[in-house]
N, C-alpha and C. Protein backbone atom coordinates (compact mmCIF):
# COMPACT_ATOMS: atom_id res chain seq x y z
N MET A 1 0.84 -1.20 0.00
CA MET A 1 0.00 0.00 0.00
C MET A 1 0.88 1.24 0.00
N ASN A 2 0.56 2.22 -0.87
CA ASN A 2 1.35 3.44 -0.94
C ASN A 2 1.15 4.30 0.30
N LYS A 3 2.22 5.00 0.68
CA LYS A 3 2.17 5.89 1.84
C LYS A 3 1.34 7.12 1.51
N ILE A 4 0.53 7.56 2.46
CA ILE A 4 -0.25 8.78 2.31
C ILE A 4 0.52 9.95 2.91
N ILE A 5 0.61 11.02 2.16
CA ILE A 5 1.22 12.25 2.66
C ILE A 5 0.13 13.13 3.25
N ILE A 6 0.31 13.53 4.51
CA ILE A 6 -0.60 14.45 5.18
C ILE A 6 0.06 15.83 5.17
N VAL A 7 -0.62 16.80 4.59
CA VAL A 7 -0.04 18.13 4.40
C VAL A 7 -0.13 18.93 5.70
N GLU A 8 1.02 19.34 6.21
CA GLU A 8 1.10 20.15 7.43
C GLU A 8 1.33 21.61 7.04
N TYR A 9 0.34 22.46 7.33
CA TYR A 9 0.49 23.87 6.99
C TYR A 9 0.05 24.78 8.13
N GLY A 10 0.08 24.23 9.36
CA GLY A 10 -0.16 25.03 10.54
C GLY A 10 -1.61 25.29 10.88
N MET A 11 -2.54 24.51 10.29
CA MET A 11 -3.96 24.76 10.51
C MET A 11 -4.70 23.54 11.05
N CYS A 12 -3.97 22.55 11.56
CA CYS A 12 -4.66 21.35 12.03
C CYS A 12 -3.73 20.54 12.91
N ASN A 13 -4.30 19.95 13.95
CA ASN A 13 -3.58 18.95 14.73
C ASN A 13 -3.72 17.62 13.99
N VAL A 14 -2.66 17.22 13.32
CA VAL A 14 -2.75 16.05 12.45
C VAL A 14 -2.60 14.74 13.21
N GLY A 15 -2.31 14.82 14.52
CA GLY A 15 -2.07 13.60 15.29
C GLY A 15 -3.23 12.63 15.26
N SER A 16 -4.46 13.14 15.33
CA SER A 16 -5.62 12.24 15.34
C SER A 16 -5.79 11.53 14.00
N ILE A 17 -5.43 12.21 12.90
CA ILE A 17 -5.50 11.56 11.59
C ILE A 17 -4.45 10.46 11.49
N VAL A 18 -3.24 10.76 11.96
CA VAL A 18 -2.17 9.75 11.96
C VAL A 18 -2.59 8.54 12.77
N ASN A 19 -3.18 8.75 13.94
CA ASN A 19 -3.59 7.64 14.80
C ASN A 19 -4.67 6.79 14.13
N MET A 20 -5.61 7.43 13.45
CA MET A 20 -6.66 6.66 12.76
C MET A 20 -6.06 5.83 11.63
N LEU A 21 -5.12 6.39 10.89
CA LEU A 21 -4.49 5.63 9.81
C LEU A 21 -3.68 4.47 10.36
N LYS A 22 -3.05 4.67 11.51
CA LYS A 22 -2.32 3.57 12.14
C LYS A 22 -3.26 2.43 12.51
N LYS A 23 -4.47 2.76 12.94
CA LYS A 23 -5.43 1.73 13.33
C LYS A 23 -5.82 0.84 12.17
N VAL A 24 -5.82 1.40 10.96
CA VAL A 24 -6.16 0.60 9.78
C VAL A 24 -4.89 0.21 9.01
N ARG A 25 -3.74 0.39 9.67
CA ARG A 25 -2.44 -0.07 9.14
C ARG A 25 -2.10 0.56 7.80
N VAL A 26 -2.32 1.86 7.74
CA VAL A 26 -2.00 2.62 6.54
C VAL A 26 -0.76 3.47 6.81
N PRO A 27 0.31 3.29 6.06
CA PRO A 27 1.50 4.12 6.27
C PRO A 27 1.25 5.56 5.86
N CYS A 28 1.80 6.50 6.63
CA CYS A 28 1.60 7.90 6.33
C CYS A 28 2.81 8.71 6.78
N GLU A 29 2.89 9.92 6.28
CA GLU A 29 3.94 10.86 6.67
C GLU A 29 3.36 12.25 6.70
N VAL A 30 3.67 13.00 7.75
CA VAL A 30 3.24 14.38 7.88
C VAL A 30 4.38 15.28 7.41
N THR A 31 4.10 16.19 6.49
CA THR A 31 5.18 17.02 5.95
C THR A 31 4.65 18.35 5.44
N ALA A 32 5.53 19.35 5.47
CA ALA A 32 5.28 20.64 4.83
C ALA A 32 6.24 20.83 3.66
N ASP A 33 6.93 19.79 3.25
CA ASP A 33 7.92 19.85 2.18
C ASP A 33 7.20 19.84 0.82
N PRO A 34 7.26 20.92 0.05
CA PRO A 34 6.56 20.96 -1.24
C PRO A 34 7.00 19.86 -2.19
N ASP A 35 8.28 19.46 -2.17
CA ASP A 35 8.75 18.42 -3.06
C ASP A 35 8.08 17.08 -2.75
N LYS A 36 7.93 16.79 -1.46
CA LYS A 36 7.28 15.54 -1.07
C LYS A 36 5.79 15.57 -1.41
N VAL A 37 5.17 16.73 -1.25
CA VAL A 37 3.75 16.86 -1.59
C VAL A 37 3.56 16.68 -3.10
N ALA A 38 4.42 17.31 -3.88
CA ALA A 38 4.30 17.23 -5.34
C ALA A 38 4.51 15.82 -5.85
N ALA A 39 5.32 15.02 -5.14
CA ALA A 39 5.65 13.67 -5.59
C ALA A 39 4.83 12.59 -4.91
N ALA A 40 3.85 12.97 -4.10
CA ALA A 40 3.08 12.01 -3.31
C ALA A 40 2.25 11.08 -4.19
N ASP A 41 1.93 9.90 -3.65
CA ASP A 41 1.01 8.98 -4.31
C ASP A 41 -0.43 9.27 -3.91
N LYS A 42 -0.62 9.74 -2.66
CA LYS A 42 -1.93 10.15 -2.17
C LYS A 42 -1.73 11.26 -1.15
N LEU A 43 -2.68 12.17 -1.10
CA LEU A 43 -2.58 13.31 -0.20
C LEU A 43 -3.83 13.45 0.65
N ILE A 44 -3.63 13.86 1.91
CA ILE A 44 -4.72 14.33 2.76
C ILE A 44 -4.41 15.78 3.12
N LEU A 45 -5.37 16.66 2.85
CA LEU A 45 -5.26 18.07 3.20
C LEU A 45 -6.27 18.35 4.32
N PRO A 46 -5.82 18.30 5.59
CA PRO A 46 -6.73 18.55 6.70
C PRO A 46 -6.88 20.05 6.92
N GLY A 47 -7.58 20.43 7.98
CA GLY A 47 -7.66 21.86 8.27
C GLY A 47 -8.77 22.22 9.22
N VAL A 48 -8.47 23.18 10.10
CA VAL A 48 -9.45 23.78 11.01
C VAL A 48 -9.12 25.27 11.07
N GLY A 49 -10.15 26.11 10.95
CA GLY A 49 -9.90 27.54 11.07
C GLY A 49 -10.39 28.32 9.86
N ALA A 50 -9.78 29.48 9.65
CA ALA A 50 -10.25 30.43 8.65
C ALA A 50 -9.68 30.12 7.27
N PHE A 51 -10.51 30.30 6.26
CA PHE A 51 -10.15 30.03 4.86
C PHE A 51 -8.95 30.88 4.43
N GLY A 52 -9.02 32.19 4.70
CA GLY A 52 -7.95 33.08 4.28
C GLY A 52 -6.62 32.73 4.90
N ALA A 53 -6.63 32.41 6.18
CA ALA A 53 -5.38 32.03 6.86
C ALA A 53 -4.84 30.72 6.31
N GLY A 54 -5.75 29.80 5.97
CA GLY A 54 -5.32 28.53 5.40
C GLY A 54 -4.62 28.72 4.07
N MET A 55 -5.20 29.53 3.18
CA MET A 55 -4.58 29.78 1.88
C MET A 55 -3.27 30.55 2.05
N GLN A 56 -3.24 31.50 2.96
CA GLN A 56 -2.00 32.25 3.20
C GLN A 56 -0.88 31.31 3.65
N ASN A 57 -1.19 30.39 4.55
CA ASN A 57 -0.18 29.45 5.03
C ASN A 57 0.31 28.54 3.91
N LEU A 58 -0.60 28.09 3.06
CA LEU A 58 -0.20 27.24 1.93
C LEU A 58 0.73 28.01 0.99
N HIS A 59 0.39 29.27 0.71
CA HIS A 59 1.23 30.08 -0.18
C HIS A 59 2.61 30.32 0.45
N GLN A 60 2.63 30.66 1.72
CA GLN A 60 3.90 30.96 2.39
C GLN A 60 4.85 29.77 2.41
N ARG A 61 4.30 28.57 2.46
CA ARG A 61 5.12 27.36 2.49
C ARG A 61 5.42 26.80 1.10
N GLY A 62 4.96 27.48 0.08
CA GLY A 62 5.19 27.02 -1.28
C GLY A 62 4.42 25.77 -1.64
N LEU A 63 3.28 25.56 -0.96
CA LEU A 63 2.53 24.32 -1.14
C LEU A 63 1.45 24.41 -2.22
N VAL A 64 1.06 25.60 -2.62
CA VAL A 64 -0.01 25.71 -3.63
C VAL A 64 0.42 25.11 -4.97
N PRO A 65 1.59 25.47 -5.52
CA PRO A 65 2.01 24.83 -6.77
C PRO A 65 2.20 23.32 -6.62
N ALA A 66 2.69 22.89 -5.46
CA ALA A 66 2.90 21.46 -5.23
C ALA A 66 1.59 20.70 -5.23
N LEU A 67 0.58 21.26 -4.55
CA LEU A 67 -0.73 20.62 -4.50
C LEU A 67 -1.37 20.56 -5.88
N LYS A 68 -1.27 21.66 -6.63
CA LYS A 68 -1.88 21.69 -7.97
C LYS A 68 -1.17 20.74 -8.92
N HIS A 69 0.15 20.64 -8.80
CA HIS A 69 0.88 19.71 -9.66
C HIS A 69 0.46 18.27 -9.37
N ALA A 70 0.38 17.93 -8.08
CA ALA A 70 0.01 16.56 -7.70
C ALA A 70 -1.41 16.24 -8.13
N ALA A 71 -2.33 17.16 -7.90
CA ALA A 71 -3.75 16.89 -8.14
C ALA A 71 -4.16 17.06 -9.60
N GLN A 72 -3.63 18.08 -10.27
CA GLN A 72 -4.07 18.39 -11.64
C GLN A 72 -3.19 17.74 -12.71
N ASP A 73 -1.89 17.79 -12.51
CA ASP A 73 -0.98 17.24 -13.53
C ASP A 73 -0.78 15.74 -13.37
N ARG A 74 -0.51 15.31 -12.15
CA ARG A 74 -0.29 13.89 -11.91
C ARG A 74 -1.58 13.16 -11.59
N LYS A 75 -2.61 13.91 -11.20
CA LYS A 75 -3.94 13.37 -10.91
C LYS A 75 -3.92 12.28 -9.84
N ILE A 76 -3.17 12.54 -8.78
CA ILE A 76 -3.16 11.60 -7.66
C ILE A 76 -4.37 11.91 -6.76
N PRO A 77 -4.87 10.94 -6.01
CA PRO A 77 -6.02 11.19 -5.14
C PRO A 77 -5.67 12.16 -4.02
N ILE A 78 -6.53 13.13 -3.79
CA ILE A 78 -6.37 14.07 -2.68
C ILE A 78 -7.69 14.14 -1.92
N LEU A 79 -7.59 14.06 -0.59
CA LEU A 79 -8.76 14.11 0.29
C LEU A 79 -8.65 15.35 1.17
N GLY A 80 -9.56 16.31 0.97
CA GLY A 80 -9.64 17.47 1.83
C GLY A 80 -10.60 17.23 2.97
N ILE A 81 -10.21 17.59 4.18
CA ILE A 81 -11.03 17.36 5.37
C ILE A 81 -11.36 18.71 6.01
N CYS A 82 -12.65 18.98 6.21
CA CYS A 82 -13.18 20.19 6.84
C CYS A 82 -12.66 21.42 6.10
N LEU A 83 -11.82 22.27 6.72
CA LEU A 83 -11.27 23.42 6.01
C LEU A 83 -10.53 22.95 4.76
N GLY A 84 -9.88 21.79 4.82
CA GLY A 84 -9.18 21.27 3.66
C GLY A 84 -10.10 21.07 2.47
N MET A 85 -11.35 20.64 2.72
CA MET A 85 -12.33 20.51 1.64
C MET A 85 -12.66 21.89 1.07
N GLN A 86 -12.86 22.87 1.94
CA GLN A 86 -13.21 24.21 1.47
C GLN A 86 -12.09 24.82 0.64
N LEU A 87 -10.85 24.53 0.99
CA LEU A 87 -9.71 25.08 0.25
C LEU A 87 -9.62 24.50 -1.16
N LEU A 88 -10.26 23.37 -1.40
CA LEU A 88 -10.26 22.80 -2.75
C LEU A 88 -11.13 23.61 -3.72
N THR A 89 -12.01 24.46 -3.17
CA THR A 89 -12.98 25.17 -4.01
C THR A 89 -12.36 26.43 -4.63
N GLN A 90 -13.15 27.10 -5.44
CA GLN A 90 -12.65 28.27 -6.17
C GLN A 90 -12.47 29.50 -5.27
N HIS A 91 -13.42 29.72 -4.36
CA HIS A 91 -13.33 30.88 -3.47
C HIS A 91 -14.27 30.68 -2.30
N SER A 92 -14.15 31.57 -1.31
CA SER A 92 -14.99 31.49 -0.12
C SER A 92 -15.58 32.86 0.21
N GLU A 93 -16.78 32.86 0.78
CA GLU A 93 -17.36 34.09 1.29
C GLU A 93 -16.61 34.59 2.52
N GLU A 94 -15.84 33.74 3.14
CA GLU A 94 -15.08 34.10 4.33
C GLU A 94 -13.87 34.95 3.90
N GLY A 95 -14.06 36.26 3.83
CA GLY A 95 -12.99 37.13 3.40
C GLY A 95 -12.84 37.21 1.89
N GLY A 96 -13.67 36.46 1.15
CA GLY A 96 -13.61 36.53 -0.30
C GLY A 96 -12.34 35.95 -0.89
N GLY A 97 -11.66 35.09 -0.14
CA GLY A 97 -10.39 34.56 -0.59
C GLY A 97 -10.52 33.57 -1.73
N GLU A 98 -9.49 33.54 -2.60
CA GLU A 98 -9.43 32.58 -3.69
C GLU A 98 -8.85 31.27 -3.17
N GLY A 99 -9.45 30.14 -3.58
CA GLY A 99 -8.99 28.84 -3.14
C GLY A 99 -8.08 28.17 -4.14
N LEU A 100 -7.88 26.87 -3.97
CA LEU A 100 -7.03 26.11 -4.88
C LEU A 100 -7.68 25.87 -6.23
N ALA A 101 -9.01 26.01 -6.29
CA ALA A 101 -9.77 25.86 -7.54
C ALA A 101 -9.52 24.50 -8.19
N LEU A 102 -9.54 23.45 -7.38
CA LEU A 102 -9.38 22.10 -7.90
C LEU A 102 -10.72 21.46 -8.24
N ILE A 103 -11.82 22.13 -7.88
CA ILE A 103 -13.14 21.61 -8.19
C ILE A 103 -14.08 22.79 -8.42
N ASP A 104 -15.11 22.57 -9.21
CA ASP A 104 -16.07 23.62 -9.56
C ASP A 104 -17.06 23.79 -8.41
N ALA A 105 -16.70 24.62 -7.44
CA ALA A 105 -17.51 24.81 -6.25
C ALA A 105 -17.04 26.07 -5.54
N HIS A 106 -17.87 26.57 -4.62
CA HIS A 106 -17.46 27.68 -3.78
C HIS A 106 -17.89 27.40 -2.35
N THR A 107 -17.42 28.22 -1.43
CA THR A 107 -17.69 28.03 0.00
C THR A 107 -18.50 29.22 0.52
N ARG A 108 -19.59 28.93 1.22
CA ARG A 108 -20.46 29.99 1.72
C ARG A 108 -20.78 29.75 3.20
N ARG A 109 -21.21 30.79 3.87
CA ARG A 109 -21.60 30.71 5.27
C ARG A 109 -23.02 30.18 5.38
N PHE A 110 -23.30 29.42 6.44
CA PHE A 110 -24.69 29.04 6.71
C PHE A 110 -25.53 30.30 6.85
N ASP A 111 -26.67 30.31 6.19
CA ASP A 111 -27.56 31.46 6.23
C ASP A 111 -29.00 30.95 6.32
N PHE A 112 -29.60 31.17 7.48
CA PHE A 112 -30.97 30.70 7.70
C PHE A 112 -31.98 31.84 7.64
N SER A 113 -31.58 33.02 7.21
CA SER A 113 -32.42 34.21 7.30
C SER A 113 -33.70 34.11 6.48
N SER A 114 -33.68 33.32 5.40
CA SER A 114 -34.87 33.22 4.54
C SER A 114 -35.76 32.03 4.92
N LEU A 115 -35.39 31.33 5.97
CA LEU A 115 -36.14 30.13 6.35
C LEU A 115 -37.02 30.40 7.56
N ASN A 116 -38.16 29.77 7.57
CA ASN A 116 -39.07 29.87 8.72
C ASN A 116 -38.84 28.65 9.61
N LEU A 117 -37.78 28.73 10.40
CA LEU A 117 -37.40 27.59 11.24
C LEU A 117 -38.12 27.66 12.58
N PRO A 118 -38.48 26.49 13.16
CA PRO A 118 -39.19 26.48 14.44
C PRO A 118 -38.30 26.94 15.60
N ARG A 119 -36.99 26.90 15.42
CA ARG A 119 -36.07 27.36 16.46
C ARG A 119 -34.80 27.88 15.80
N LYS A 120 -34.09 28.71 16.52
CA LYS A 120 -32.85 29.27 16.00
C LYS A 120 -31.75 28.23 16.07
N LEU A 121 -31.11 27.99 14.95
CA LEU A 121 -30.02 27.02 14.92
C LEU A 121 -28.70 27.71 15.21
N PRO A 122 -27.92 27.15 16.13
CA PRO A 122 -26.63 27.77 16.45
C PRO A 122 -25.62 27.56 15.32
N ILE A 123 -24.74 28.51 15.17
CA ILE A 123 -23.61 28.42 14.25
C ILE A 123 -22.36 28.62 15.09
N PRO A 124 -21.37 27.75 15.01
CA PRO A 124 -21.21 26.71 13.99
C PRO A 124 -22.12 25.50 14.18
N HIS A 125 -22.32 24.79 13.08
CA HIS A 125 -22.94 23.47 13.11
C HIS A 125 -21.94 22.54 13.77
N MET A 126 -22.31 22.01 14.93
CA MET A 126 -21.36 21.22 15.70
C MET A 126 -22.05 19.97 16.23
N GLY A 127 -21.42 18.82 16.03
CA GLY A 127 -21.92 17.57 16.57
C GLY A 127 -22.10 16.51 15.50
N TRP A 128 -22.77 15.42 15.87
CA TRP A 128 -22.96 14.29 14.98
C TRP A 128 -24.15 14.54 14.06
N ASN A 129 -24.00 14.12 12.81
CA ASN A 129 -25.09 14.30 11.85
C ASN A 129 -25.02 13.17 10.82
N GLU A 130 -26.20 12.78 10.34
CA GLU A 130 -26.26 11.76 9.30
C GLU A 130 -25.89 12.36 7.95
N VAL A 131 -25.28 11.53 7.11
CA VAL A 131 -24.98 11.94 5.74
C VAL A 131 -25.66 10.98 4.77
N ARG A 132 -25.97 11.49 3.58
CA ARG A 132 -26.64 10.69 2.56
C ARG A 132 -25.77 10.64 1.31
N PRO A 133 -25.36 9.46 0.89
CA PRO A 133 -24.55 9.34 -0.33
C PRO A 133 -25.33 9.82 -1.55
N GLN A 134 -24.61 10.46 -2.48
CA GLN A 134 -25.23 11.01 -3.69
C GLN A 134 -24.66 10.42 -4.97
N GLN A 135 -23.62 9.62 -4.87
CA GLN A 135 -23.02 9.01 -6.05
C GLN A 135 -22.30 7.73 -5.65
N ASP A 136 -22.04 6.89 -6.62
CA ASP A 136 -21.24 5.70 -6.35
C ASP A 136 -19.79 6.11 -6.19
N SER A 137 -19.14 5.56 -5.19
CA SER A 137 -17.75 5.91 -4.93
C SER A 137 -17.09 4.77 -4.17
N LEU A 138 -15.80 4.59 -4.42
CA LEU A 138 -15.05 3.59 -3.66
C LEU A 138 -14.96 3.97 -2.19
N LEU A 139 -15.19 5.24 -1.87
CA LEU A 139 -15.19 5.63 -0.46
C LEU A 139 -16.37 5.01 0.29
N LEU A 140 -17.39 4.57 -0.43
CA LEU A 140 -18.57 4.00 0.20
C LEU A 140 -18.52 2.47 0.27
N ARG A 141 -17.39 1.89 -0.09
CA ARG A 141 -17.28 0.44 -0.09
C ARG A 141 -17.45 -0.12 1.33
N ASP A 142 -18.16 -1.24 1.42
CA ASP A 142 -18.41 -1.93 2.70
C ASP A 142 -19.18 -1.07 3.69
N VAL A 143 -20.00 -0.17 3.18
CA VAL A 143 -20.87 0.64 4.02
C VAL A 143 -22.30 0.24 3.73
N ASN A 144 -22.95 -0.39 4.71
CA ASN A 144 -24.29 -0.94 4.49
C ASN A 144 -25.32 -0.36 5.47
N GLU A 145 -25.01 0.78 6.04
CA GLU A 145 -25.93 1.37 7.02
C GLU A 145 -25.82 2.89 6.94
N THR A 146 -26.75 3.56 7.63
CA THR A 146 -26.70 5.01 7.69
C THR A 146 -25.43 5.44 8.41
N GLN A 147 -24.73 6.38 7.80
CA GLN A 147 -23.48 6.85 8.38
C GLN A 147 -23.68 8.15 9.14
N ARG A 148 -22.99 8.28 10.26
CA ARG A 148 -23.00 9.49 11.06
C ARG A 148 -21.56 9.95 11.28
N PHE A 149 -21.34 11.23 11.07
CA PHE A 149 -20.01 11.79 11.21
C PHE A 149 -20.06 13.04 12.09
N TYR A 150 -18.88 13.42 12.59
CA TYR A 150 -18.79 14.57 13.49
C TYR A 150 -18.42 15.83 12.71
N PHE A 151 -19.23 16.87 12.88
CA PHE A 151 -19.05 18.14 12.16
C PHE A 151 -18.70 19.27 13.14
N VAL A 152 -17.88 20.19 12.68
CA VAL A 152 -17.68 21.49 13.34
C VAL A 152 -17.38 22.50 12.24
N HIS A 153 -18.36 23.33 11.85
CA HIS A 153 -18.11 24.28 10.76
C HIS A 153 -19.19 25.36 10.71
N THR A 154 -18.75 26.53 10.26
CA THR A 154 -19.63 27.67 10.06
C THR A 154 -19.91 27.90 8.58
N PHE A 155 -18.98 27.48 7.73
CA PHE A 155 -19.11 27.61 6.29
C PHE A 155 -19.27 26.22 5.67
N HIS A 156 -19.87 26.16 4.50
CA HIS A 156 -20.03 24.87 3.83
C HIS A 156 -19.83 25.06 2.33
N VAL A 157 -19.55 23.97 1.66
CA VAL A 157 -19.26 24.00 0.23
C VAL A 157 -20.55 23.87 -0.57
N VAL A 158 -20.61 24.57 -1.70
CA VAL A 158 -21.70 24.44 -2.66
C VAL A 158 -21.09 23.97 -3.98
N CYS A 159 -21.39 22.72 -4.36
CA CYS A 159 -20.92 22.19 -5.64
C CYS A 159 -21.74 22.77 -6.78
N HIS A 160 -21.08 23.23 -7.83
CA HIS A 160 -21.79 23.79 -8.97
C HIS A 160 -22.31 22.71 -9.91
N GLN A 161 -21.72 21.52 -9.82
CA GLN A 161 -22.14 20.41 -10.67
C GLN A 161 -22.77 19.32 -9.79
N GLN A 162 -23.99 18.95 -10.09
CA GLN A 162 -24.72 17.97 -9.30
C GLN A 162 -23.94 16.67 -9.16
N GLN A 163 -23.26 16.26 -10.21
CA GLN A 163 -22.57 14.98 -10.21
C GLN A 163 -21.33 14.98 -9.31
N ASP A 164 -20.91 16.15 -8.82
CA ASP A 164 -19.75 16.22 -7.94
C ASP A 164 -20.12 16.04 -6.47
N ARG A 165 -21.41 15.99 -6.17
CA ARG A 165 -21.84 15.83 -4.77
C ARG A 165 -21.63 14.38 -4.33
N LEU A 166 -20.86 14.18 -3.29
CA LEU A 166 -20.61 12.84 -2.76
C LEU A 166 -21.54 12.52 -1.61
N TYR A 167 -21.67 13.45 -0.66
CA TYR A 167 -22.60 13.32 0.47
C TYR A 167 -23.39 14.62 0.61
N THR A 168 -24.60 14.50 1.13
CA THR A 168 -25.32 15.67 1.62
C THR A 168 -25.70 15.41 3.07
N ALA A 169 -25.96 16.51 3.78
CA ALA A 169 -26.46 16.44 5.16
C ALA A 169 -27.47 17.56 5.34
N GLU A 170 -28.16 17.54 6.45
CA GLU A 170 -29.22 18.53 6.71
C GLU A 170 -28.88 19.31 7.97
N TYR A 171 -28.85 20.63 7.83
CA TYR A 171 -28.75 21.51 8.99
C TYR A 171 -29.47 22.82 8.63
N GLY A 172 -30.73 22.88 8.93
CA GLY A 172 -31.57 24.00 8.49
C GLY A 172 -32.00 23.80 7.05
N TYR A 173 -31.08 23.45 6.20
CA TYR A 173 -31.33 23.10 4.81
C TYR A 173 -30.28 22.07 4.38
N GLU A 174 -30.50 21.47 3.23
CA GLU A 174 -29.55 20.48 2.74
C GLU A 174 -28.28 21.19 2.27
N PHE A 175 -27.13 20.62 2.64
CA PHE A 175 -25.87 21.17 2.16
C PHE A 175 -24.95 20.03 1.73
N ASP A 176 -23.93 20.39 0.95
CA ASP A 176 -22.98 19.40 0.46
C ASP A 176 -21.97 19.07 1.55
N ALA A 177 -22.05 17.84 2.04
CA ALA A 177 -21.16 17.40 3.12
C ALA A 177 -19.95 16.64 2.59
N GLY A 178 -19.93 16.37 1.30
CA GLY A 178 -18.79 15.70 0.68
C GLY A 178 -18.86 15.89 -0.82
N LEU A 179 -17.69 15.86 -1.45
CA LEU A 179 -17.62 16.04 -2.90
C LEU A 179 -16.61 15.06 -3.48
N GLN A 180 -16.80 14.74 -4.74
CA GLN A 180 -15.81 13.96 -5.47
C GLN A 180 -15.94 14.23 -6.97
N HIS A 181 -14.83 14.59 -7.56
CA HIS A 181 -14.73 14.72 -9.01
C HIS A 181 -13.42 14.06 -9.41
N ASP A 182 -13.54 12.87 -9.99
CA ASP A 182 -12.36 12.08 -10.35
C ASP A 182 -11.47 11.89 -9.12
N ASN A 183 -10.26 12.42 -9.11
CA ASN A 183 -9.32 12.20 -8.01
C ASN A 183 -9.45 13.22 -6.89
N ILE A 184 -10.33 14.20 -7.05
CA ILE A 184 -10.50 15.26 -6.04
C ILE A 184 -11.65 14.90 -5.13
N ILE A 185 -11.36 14.76 -3.84
CA ILE A 185 -12.36 14.33 -2.86
C ILE A 185 -12.32 15.28 -1.66
N GLY A 186 -13.47 15.58 -1.10
CA GLY A 186 -13.51 16.38 0.11
C GLY A 186 -14.66 15.96 1.01
N VAL A 187 -14.46 16.08 2.31
CA VAL A 187 -15.53 15.83 3.28
C VAL A 187 -15.54 16.98 4.28
N GLN A 188 -16.72 17.49 4.58
CA GLN A 188 -16.83 18.60 5.51
C GLN A 188 -16.68 18.16 6.96
N PHE A 189 -17.00 16.93 7.23
CA PHE A 189 -16.92 16.40 8.59
C PHE A 189 -15.50 15.94 8.91
N HIS A 190 -15.33 15.46 10.14
CA HIS A 190 -14.02 14.99 10.60
C HIS A 190 -14.03 13.47 10.73
N PRO A 191 -13.53 12.74 9.72
CA PRO A 191 -13.48 11.28 9.87
C PRO A 191 -12.59 10.84 11.02
N GLU A 192 -11.57 11.63 11.34
CA GLU A 192 -10.65 11.26 12.43
C GLU A 192 -11.30 11.37 13.80
N LYS A 193 -12.51 11.97 13.85
CA LYS A 193 -13.26 12.08 15.12
C LYS A 193 -14.56 11.29 15.07
N SER A 194 -14.70 10.46 14.04
CA SER A 194 -15.99 9.81 13.78
C SER A 194 -15.97 8.30 13.94
N HIS A 195 -15.06 7.81 14.77
CA HIS A 195 -15.02 6.42 15.18
C HIS A 195 -15.05 5.45 13.99
N ARG A 196 -15.91 4.45 14.03
CA ARG A 196 -15.85 3.39 13.02
C ARG A 196 -16.20 3.88 11.63
N PHE A 197 -17.08 4.87 11.52
CA PHE A 197 -17.42 5.39 10.20
C PHE A 197 -16.21 6.11 9.60
N GLY A 198 -15.52 6.87 10.42
CA GLY A 198 -14.33 7.55 9.95
C GLY A 198 -13.21 6.58 9.61
N LEU A 199 -13.07 5.53 10.40
CA LEU A 199 -12.06 4.51 10.11
C LEU A 199 -12.30 3.87 8.75
N GLN A 200 -13.57 3.54 8.48
CA GLN A 200 -13.88 2.89 7.21
C GLN A 200 -13.63 3.83 6.04
N LEU A 201 -13.98 5.10 6.20
CA LEU A 201 -13.77 6.05 5.11
C LEU A 201 -12.28 6.21 4.81
N LEU A 202 -11.46 6.37 5.85
CA LEU A 202 -10.02 6.53 5.64
C LEU A 202 -9.41 5.27 5.06
N LYS A 203 -9.88 4.12 5.50
CA LYS A 203 -9.40 2.85 4.94
C LYS A 203 -9.75 2.75 3.46
N ASN A 204 -10.98 3.11 3.12
CA ASN A 204 -11.40 3.07 1.72
C ASN A 204 -10.58 4.03 0.87
N PHE A 205 -10.31 5.22 1.40
CA PHE A 205 -9.49 6.17 0.65
C PHE A 205 -8.09 5.62 0.42
N ALA A 206 -7.53 5.00 1.45
CA ALA A 206 -6.19 4.46 1.33
C ALA A 206 -6.10 3.34 0.29
N GLU A 207 -7.18 2.55 0.18
CA GLU A 207 -7.14 1.38 -0.69
C GLU A 207 -7.67 1.67 -2.10
N ALA A 208 -8.36 2.81 -2.26
CA ALA A 208 -9.01 3.09 -3.55
C ALA A 208 -8.01 3.60 -4.58
N ALA A 209 -8.22 3.20 -5.81
CA ALA A 209 -7.48 3.79 -6.94
C ALA A 209 -8.44 4.77 -7.61
N CYS A 210 -8.46 6.00 -7.15
CA CYS A 210 -9.44 7.00 -7.60
C CYS A 210 -9.19 7.38 -9.06
């Protein structure tokens, strides 16, 4: 099995991801080295925090060209997690920052102002939530039940192409909780905090030839 490179850019505690991969016996390496990222066989781009700060950190470390070379030119599988998924998009309402533009999508803030909800929903959306698969994917292999994952986010991704939606979830309204377009994959939730469902997803990503 090929080693997974986990991109370290100062926006995530990657220890929990490393521990989950160890549980499913997947070799991995945490690095901020652009050469290693550009030459990777598979990448995980994690992240927690602000979109603008995440992109700034990637630029400062010289990781943007490396990520684009790996994902666009070499077409290796890349999995964005939480902020990492949002960074895969074209831009975000959070500061209006430009993203990696690896998928036809943008990132917007939860907005319930036009809805007649029975109660006020807190932001961020935090806690366990069910997800609904929207396409066939190797990430869904050996999954025969309703999946629940752990979320913490104020912004969410909007896929411009229906066929790129991997998961949806409900929080006030339906939103895209996961995306996949060829080798580009993202999940808004935290598989590293989602116990057996997260273990299965990371195992499937490690074993899949996207």
